[in-house]
């Protein structure tokens, strides 16, 4: 498995002013941090980011992606649909190469509690929610 350089990894990072998404690859774990409001302004870049994350995870033998959503105050249904698409792609990977997704959420955020619970039900074998 190849290990891409830091500049290739950082090229995936997204910042549209009101929303940012960053990632850090550390061995077989990838850490993602989303911050701000994932609204229409973030939609296209979020999709590109998640596609890149999936490819990078597959290319580097990642076993777990830890997604920190604690600083996301809002996520539109369109952006959430991009997350569902990402989870669907992960589910389609044959078991030996499939990675798990651990999501850190804000217990005080009602939208996160409801939406992430539904997402976890969609892929109970892949997703763990921590609050």
N, C-alpha and C. Protein backbone atom coordinates (compact mmCIF):
# COMPACT_ATOMS: atom_id res chain seq x y z
N UNK A 1 0.84 -1.16 0.00
CA UNK A 1 0.00 0.00 0.00
C UNK A 1 0.89 1.24 0.00
N UNK A 2 0.57 2.15 -0.86
CA UNK A 2 1.38 3.36 -0.94
C UNK A 2 0.93 4.37 0.09
N UNK A 3 1.85 5.23 0.48
CA UNK A 3 1.51 6.29 1.42
C UNK A 3 1.74 7.61 0.71
N UNK A 4 0.67 8.33 0.41
CA UNK A 4 0.79 9.58 -0.30
C UNK A 4 1.40 10.63 0.60
N UNK A 5 2.04 11.61 0.01
CA UNK A 5 2.68 12.67 0.78
C UNK A 5 1.67 13.61 1.40
N UNK A 6 2.15 14.41 2.33
CA UNK A 6 1.27 15.34 3.03
C UNK A 6 0.58 16.30 2.08
N UNK A 7 1.29 16.76 1.03
CA UNK A 7 0.68 17.71 0.11
C UNK A 7 -0.49 17.08 -0.64
N UNK A 8 -0.39 15.82 -1.01
CA UNK A 8 -1.50 15.14 -1.68
C UNK A 8 -2.68 15.00 -0.73
N UNK A 9 -2.40 14.70 0.53
CA UNK A 9 -3.47 14.59 1.52
C UNK A 9 -4.14 15.93 1.75
N UNK A 10 -3.36 16.98 1.91
CA UNK A 10 -3.91 18.30 2.18
C UNK A 10 -4.69 18.84 1.00
N UNK A 11 -4.41 18.36 -0.21
CA UNK A 11 -5.12 18.82 -1.40
C UNK A 11 -6.61 18.47 -1.32
N UNK A 12 -6.97 17.51 -0.51
CA UNK A 12 -8.37 17.14 -0.35
C UNK A 12 -9.14 18.10 0.55
N UNK A 13 -8.44 18.82 1.42
CA UNK A 13 -9.10 19.70 2.38
C UNK A 13 -9.96 20.74 1.66
N UNK A 14 -11.09 21.09 2.30
CA UNK A 14 -12.09 21.98 1.73
C UNK A 14 -12.35 23.13 2.69
N UNK A 15 -12.46 24.34 2.15
CA UNK A 15 -12.86 25.49 2.96
C UNK A 15 -13.64 26.45 2.07
N UNK A 16 -14.94 26.60 2.38
CA UNK A 16 -15.79 27.51 1.61
C UNK A 16 -16.21 28.71 2.45
N UNK A 17 -15.47 28.98 3.50
CA UNK A 17 -15.79 30.11 4.37
C UNK A 17 -16.70 29.72 5.52
N UNK A 18 -17.89 29.25 5.21
CA UNK A 18 -18.84 28.86 6.26
C UNK A 18 -18.73 27.39 6.62
N UNK A 19 -17.95 26.62 5.85
CA UNK A 19 -17.78 25.19 6.10
C UNK A 19 -16.37 24.78 5.72
N UNK A 20 -15.78 23.91 6.55
CA UNK A 20 -14.48 23.36 6.19
C UNK A 20 -14.46 21.87 6.53
N UNK A 21 -13.65 21.14 5.77
CA UNK A 21 -13.44 19.71 5.99
C UNK A 21 -11.96 19.44 5.81
N UNK A 22 -11.35 18.85 6.83
CA UNK A 22 -9.93 18.53 6.77
C UNK A 22 -9.74 17.06 7.08
N UNK A 23 -8.61 16.53 6.65
CA UNK A 23 -8.31 15.14 6.93
C UNK A 23 -6.84 14.98 7.25
N UNK A 24 -6.58 13.94 8.01
CA UNK A 24 -5.21 13.59 8.37
C UNK A 24 -5.11 12.08 8.38
N UNK A 25 -4.16 11.56 7.66
CA UNK A 25 -3.92 10.13 7.58
C UNK A 25 -2.81 9.77 8.56
N UNK A 26 -3.10 8.82 9.46
CA UNK A 26 -2.14 8.39 10.46
C UNK A 26 -2.14 6.87 10.49
N UNK A 27 -1.28 6.27 9.70
CA UNK A 27 -1.23 4.82 9.62
C UNK A 27 -2.49 4.27 8.98
N UNK A 28 -3.20 3.41 9.72
CA UNK A 28 -4.43 2.82 9.18
C UNK A 28 -5.68 3.54 9.67
N UNK A 29 -5.49 4.73 10.25
CA UNK A 29 -6.62 5.54 10.70
C UNK A 29 -6.59 6.88 9.99
N UNK A 30 -7.75 7.31 9.55
CA UNK A 30 -7.88 8.62 8.94
C UNK A 30 -8.81 9.45 9.81
N UNK A 31 -8.39 10.67 10.10
CA UNK A 31 -9.20 11.57 10.92
C UNK A 31 -9.75 12.67 10.03
N UNK A 32 -11.07 12.85 10.08
CA UNK A 32 -11.75 13.92 9.35
C UNK A 32 -12.37 14.87 10.36
N UNK A 33 -12.31 16.16 10.07
CA UNK A 33 -12.94 17.16 10.93
C UNK A 33 -13.78 18.07 10.03
N UNK A 34 -15.08 18.10 10.29
CA UNK A 34 -15.99 19.02 9.61
C UNK A 34 -16.32 20.14 10.59
N UNK A 35 -16.37 21.38 10.08
CA UNK A 35 -16.65 22.54 10.91
C UNK A 35 -17.57 23.50 10.16
N UNK A 36 -18.54 24.06 10.86
CA UNK A 36 -19.37 25.11 10.29
C UNK A 36 -20.73 24.64 9.84
N UNK A 37 -21.21 25.24 8.75
CA UNK A 37 -22.53 24.94 8.20
C UNK A 37 -22.38 24.30 6.83
N UNK A 38 -22.80 23.04 6.73
CA UNK A 38 -22.74 22.30 5.47
C UNK A 38 -24.03 22.57 4.71
N UNK A 39 -24.04 23.68 3.97
CA UNK A 39 -25.23 24.08 3.23
C UNK A 39 -24.96 24.00 1.73
N UNK A 40 -25.78 24.67 0.94
CA UNK A 40 -25.66 24.62 -0.52
C UNK A 40 -24.27 25.04 -1.00
N UNK A 41 -23.64 25.99 -0.32
CA UNK A 41 -22.31 26.44 -0.71
C UNK A 41 -21.26 25.33 -0.59
N UNK A 42 -21.50 24.37 0.28
CA UNK A 42 -20.53 23.30 0.52
C UNK A 42 -20.82 22.03 -0.28
N UNK A 43 -21.95 21.94 -0.92
CA UNK A 43 -22.44 20.69 -1.51
C UNK A 43 -21.45 20.04 -2.48
N UNK A 44 -21.05 20.74 -3.51
CA UNK A 44 -20.17 20.15 -4.53
C UNK A 44 -18.82 19.78 -3.94
N UNK A 45 -18.27 20.67 -3.12
CA UNK A 45 -16.96 20.38 -2.52
C UNK A 45 -17.03 19.23 -1.52
N UNK A 46 -18.15 19.11 -0.82
CA UNK A 46 -18.30 18.00 0.12
C UNK A 46 -18.31 16.67 -0.64
N UNK A 47 -19.02 16.63 -1.76
CA UNK A 47 -19.05 15.41 -2.55
C UNK A 47 -17.65 15.05 -3.05
N UNK A 48 -16.94 16.03 -3.58
CA UNK A 48 -15.57 15.80 -4.06
C UNK A 48 -14.66 15.34 -2.93
N UNK A 49 -14.79 15.98 -1.77
CA UNK A 49 -14.00 15.62 -0.60
C UNK A 49 -14.25 14.16 -0.21
N UNK A 50 -15.52 13.76 -0.10
CA UNK A 50 -15.83 12.39 0.33
C UNK A 50 -15.40 11.35 -0.70
N UNK A 51 -15.49 11.67 -1.97
CA UNK A 51 -14.98 10.76 -3.01
C UNK A 51 -13.46 10.60 -2.87
N UNK A 52 -12.77 11.72 -2.63
CA UNK A 52 -11.32 11.67 -2.45
C UNK A 52 -10.92 10.91 -1.20
N UNK A 53 -11.68 11.10 -0.13
CA UNK A 53 -11.42 10.38 1.13
C UNK A 53 -11.54 8.88 0.91
N UNK A 54 -12.59 8.48 0.21
CA UNK A 54 -12.80 7.05 -0.02
C UNK A 54 -11.64 6.46 -0.83
N UNK A 55 -11.22 7.16 -1.88
CA UNK A 55 -10.09 6.68 -2.68
C UNK A 55 -8.81 6.63 -1.87
N UNK A 56 -8.55 7.68 -1.11
CA UNK A 56 -7.34 7.72 -0.28
C UNK A 56 -7.35 6.59 0.76
N UNK A 57 -8.50 6.35 1.36
CA UNK A 57 -8.62 5.28 2.35
C UNK A 57 -8.35 3.92 1.70
N UNK A 58 -8.91 3.70 0.53
CA UNK A 58 -8.70 2.43 -0.16
C UNK A 58 -7.24 2.26 -0.57
N UNK A 59 -6.64 3.31 -1.10
CA UNK A 59 -5.24 3.24 -1.56
C UNK A 59 -4.25 3.01 -0.42
N UNK A 60 -4.63 3.41 0.80
CA UNK A 60 -3.70 3.33 1.93
C UNK A 60 -4.07 2.27 2.96
N UNK A 61 -5.02 1.41 2.66
CA UNK A 61 -5.38 0.33 3.58
C UNK A 61 -5.94 0.81 4.91
N UNK A 62 -6.67 1.91 4.88
CA UNK A 62 -7.25 2.47 6.10
C UNK A 62 -8.27 1.48 6.68
N UNK A 63 -8.21 1.30 7.98
CA UNK A 63 -9.14 0.40 8.69
C UNK A 63 -10.27 1.17 9.35
N UNK A 64 -10.02 2.44 9.69
CA UNK A 64 -11.04 3.25 10.35
C UNK A 64 -10.93 4.70 9.92
N UNK A 65 -12.08 5.31 9.64
CA UNK A 65 -12.17 6.75 9.41
C UNK A 65 -12.94 7.32 10.60
N UNK A 66 -12.30 8.25 11.31
CA UNK A 66 -12.92 8.92 12.44
C UNK A 66 -13.38 10.30 11.97
N UNK A 67 -14.68 10.50 11.95
CA UNK A 67 -15.27 11.74 11.47
C UNK A 67 -15.79 12.56 12.65
N UNK A 68 -15.21 13.74 12.86
CA UNK A 68 -15.60 14.62 13.95
C UNK A 68 -16.58 15.66 13.42
N UNK A 69 -17.84 15.56 13.87
CA UNK A 69 -18.89 16.49 13.47
C UNK A 69 -19.28 17.44 14.60
N UNK A 70 -18.54 17.44 15.69
CA UNK A 70 -18.94 18.20 16.87
C UNK A 70 -19.04 19.70 16.63
N UNK A 71 -18.34 20.22 15.63
CA UNK A 71 -18.39 21.66 15.36
C UNK A 71 -19.23 21.99 14.12
N UNK A 72 -20.07 21.05 13.70
CA UNK A 72 -20.99 21.31 12.58
C UNK A 72 -22.32 21.74 13.17
N UNK A 73 -22.70 22.99 12.89
CA UNK A 73 -23.94 23.52 13.46
C UNK A 73 -25.15 23.21 12.61
N UNK A 74 -24.94 22.92 11.33
CA UNK A 74 -26.05 22.65 10.41
C UNK A 74 -25.53 21.82 9.25
N UNK A 75 -26.36 20.88 8.77
CA UNK A 75 -26.06 20.15 7.55
C UNK A 75 -27.36 20.00 6.77
N UNK A 76 -27.34 20.49 5.54
CA UNK A 76 -28.53 20.40 4.70
C UNK A 76 -28.79 18.95 4.33
N UNK A 77 -30.02 18.68 3.94
CA UNK A 77 -30.36 17.32 3.53
C UNK A 77 -29.56 16.91 2.30
N UNK A 78 -29.24 17.86 1.44
CA UNK A 78 -28.43 17.55 0.24
C UNK A 78 -27.02 17.12 0.63
N UNK A 79 -26.42 17.82 1.58
CA UNK A 79 -25.08 17.43 2.05
C UNK A 79 -25.14 16.09 2.79
N UNK A 80 -26.18 15.89 3.58
CA UNK A 80 -26.32 14.62 4.29
C UNK A 80 -26.45 13.46 3.29
N UNK A 81 -27.12 13.73 2.17
CA UNK A 81 -27.24 12.71 1.12
C UNK A 81 -25.87 12.33 0.57
N UNK A 82 -24.94 13.29 0.51
CA UNK A 82 -23.58 12.98 0.07
C UNK A 82 -22.89 12.05 1.07
N UNK A 83 -23.19 12.23 2.35
CA UNK A 83 -22.63 11.31 3.37
C UNK A 83 -23.21 9.91 3.19
N UNK A 84 -24.51 9.83 2.89
CA UNK A 84 -25.13 8.53 2.64
C UNK A 84 -24.48 7.85 1.44
N UNK A 85 -24.20 8.63 0.41
CA UNK A 85 -23.52 8.09 -0.77
C UNK A 85 -22.14 7.55 -0.42
N UNK A 86 -21.42 8.25 0.44
CA UNK A 86 -20.11 7.79 0.89
C UNK A 86 -20.24 6.46 1.63
N UNK A 87 -21.18 6.39 2.56
CA UNK A 87 -21.38 5.15 3.32
C UNK A 87 -21.76 4.01 2.37
N UNK A 88 -22.57 4.30 1.38
CA UNK A 88 -22.96 3.28 0.40
C UNK A 88 -21.74 2.76 -0.34
N UNK A 89 -20.83 3.66 -0.74
CA UNK A 89 -19.60 3.22 -1.42
C UNK A 89 -18.77 2.33 -0.51
N UNK A 90 -18.69 2.68 0.77
CA UNK A 90 -17.93 1.85 1.71
C UNK A 90 -18.57 0.48 1.84
N UNK A 91 -19.88 0.42 1.91
CA UNK A 91 -20.58 -0.87 2.03
C UNK A 91 -20.33 -1.78 0.83
N UNK A 92 -20.07 -1.19 -0.33
CA UNK A 92 -19.87 -1.97 -1.56
C UNK A 92 -18.47 -2.57 -1.65
N UNK A 93 -17.57 -2.15 -0.79
CA UNK A 93 -16.20 -2.69 -0.79
C UNK A 93 -16.23 -4.08 -0.16
N UNK A 94 -15.60 -5.07 -0.80
CA UNK A 94 -15.54 -6.40 -0.19
C UNK A 94 -14.91 -6.35 1.20
N UNK A 95 -15.36 -7.19 2.09
CA UNK A 95 -15.01 -7.17 3.52
C UNK A 95 -13.52 -7.02 3.84
N UNK A 96 -12.61 -7.70 3.21
CA UNK A 96 -11.22 -7.53 3.66
C UNK A 96 -10.71 -6.10 3.52
N UNK A 97 -11.23 -5.33 2.57
CA UNK A 97 -10.74 -3.98 2.34
C UNK A 97 -11.65 -2.89 2.86
N UNK A 98 -12.72 -3.26 3.51
CA UNK A 98 -13.71 -2.28 3.99
C UNK A 98 -13.25 -1.63 5.29
N UNK A 99 -13.41 -0.34 5.39
CA UNK A 99 -13.06 0.36 6.63
C UNK A 99 -14.33 0.71 7.40
N UNK A 100 -14.16 0.91 8.69
CA UNK A 100 -15.27 1.32 9.57
C UNK A 100 -15.27 2.82 9.71
N UNK A 101 -16.42 3.37 10.06
CA UNK A 101 -16.58 4.81 10.24
C UNK A 101 -17.02 5.07 11.67
N UNK A 102 -16.22 5.87 12.38
CA UNK A 102 -16.55 6.25 13.75
C UNK A 102 -16.85 7.74 13.75
N UNK A 103 -18.07 8.10 14.12
CA UNK A 103 -18.50 9.49 14.07
C UNK A 103 -18.59 10.06 15.47
N UNK A 104 -17.91 11.18 15.68
CA UNK A 104 -18.00 11.92 16.93
C UNK A 104 -19.03 13.01 16.72
N UNK A 105 -20.06 13.02 17.57
CA UNK A 105 -21.15 13.97 17.39
C UNK A 105 -21.32 14.83 18.63
N UNK A 106 -22.10 15.88 18.46
CA UNK A 106 -22.43 16.77 19.56
C UNK A 106 -23.74 16.32 20.19
N UNK A 107 -23.71 15.94 21.43
CA UNK A 107 -24.89 15.47 22.13
C UNK A 107 -25.97 16.55 22.20
N UNK A 108 -25.57 17.80 22.18
CA UNK A 108 -26.53 18.90 22.29
C UNK A 108 -27.20 19.24 20.95
N UNK A 109 -26.75 18.65 19.86
CA UNK A 109 -27.29 18.95 18.55
C UNK A 109 -28.40 17.97 18.18
N UNK A 110 -29.62 18.47 18.15
CA UNK A 110 -30.77 17.62 17.84
C UNK A 110 -30.68 17.02 16.44
N UNK A 111 -30.27 17.82 15.46
CA UNK A 111 -30.20 17.30 14.09
C UNK A 111 -29.18 16.17 14.00
N UNK A 112 -28.08 16.27 14.74
CA UNK A 112 -27.08 15.21 14.70
C UNK A 112 -27.62 13.94 15.34
N UNK A 113 -28.28 14.05 16.47
CA UNK A 113 -28.81 12.86 17.14
C UNK A 113 -29.78 12.12 16.22
N UNK A 114 -30.69 12.85 15.60
CA UNK A 114 -31.70 12.20 14.73
C UNK A 114 -31.09 11.66 13.44
N UNK A 115 -30.35 12.50 12.75
CA UNK A 115 -29.82 12.10 11.43
C UNK A 115 -28.76 11.02 11.53
N UNK A 116 -27.87 11.14 12.51
CA UNK A 116 -26.80 10.14 12.63
C UNK A 116 -27.33 8.80 13.09
N UNK A 117 -28.38 8.81 13.91
CA UNK A 117 -29.01 7.55 14.31
C UNK A 117 -29.56 6.85 13.07
N UNK A 118 -30.22 7.60 12.20
CA UNK A 118 -30.76 7.01 10.96
C UNK A 118 -29.63 6.48 10.09
N UNK A 119 -28.54 7.24 9.99
CA UNK A 119 -27.40 6.79 9.18
C UNK A 119 -26.80 5.51 9.75
N UNK A 120 -26.70 5.43 11.06
CA UNK A 120 -26.16 4.23 11.70
C UNK A 120 -27.05 3.02 11.42
N UNK A 121 -28.36 3.22 11.44
CA UNK A 121 -29.29 2.12 11.14
C UNK A 121 -29.12 1.61 9.71
N UNK A 122 -28.72 2.49 8.82
CA UNK A 122 -28.48 2.15 7.41
C UNK A 122 -27.27 1.23 7.26
N UNK A 123 -26.30 1.36 8.16
CA UNK A 123 -25.05 0.58 8.04
C UNK A 123 -24.52 0.25 9.43
N UNK A 124 -25.27 -0.54 10.17
CA UNK A 124 -24.88 -0.86 11.56
C UNK A 124 -23.54 -1.57 11.64
N UNK A 125 -23.18 -2.30 10.60
CA UNK A 125 -21.93 -3.04 10.60
C UNK A 125 -20.72 -2.13 10.39
N UNK A 126 -20.95 -0.90 9.92
CA UNK A 126 -19.84 0.00 9.60
C UNK A 126 -19.70 1.19 10.52
N UNK A 127 -20.81 1.67 11.08
CA UNK A 127 -20.82 2.98 11.74
C UNK A 127 -20.97 2.86 13.23
N UNK A 128 -20.13 3.60 13.95
CA UNK A 128 -20.23 3.76 15.40
C UNK A 128 -20.40 5.25 15.65
N UNK A 129 -21.34 5.60 16.52
CA UNK A 129 -21.59 7.01 16.88
C UNK A 129 -21.12 7.22 18.32
N UNK A 130 -20.33 8.24 18.53
CA UNK A 130 -19.89 8.64 19.87
C UNK A 130 -20.38 10.04 20.13
N UNK A 131 -20.90 10.30 21.33
CA UNK A 131 -21.31 11.67 21.67
C UNK A 131 -20.72 12.08 22.98
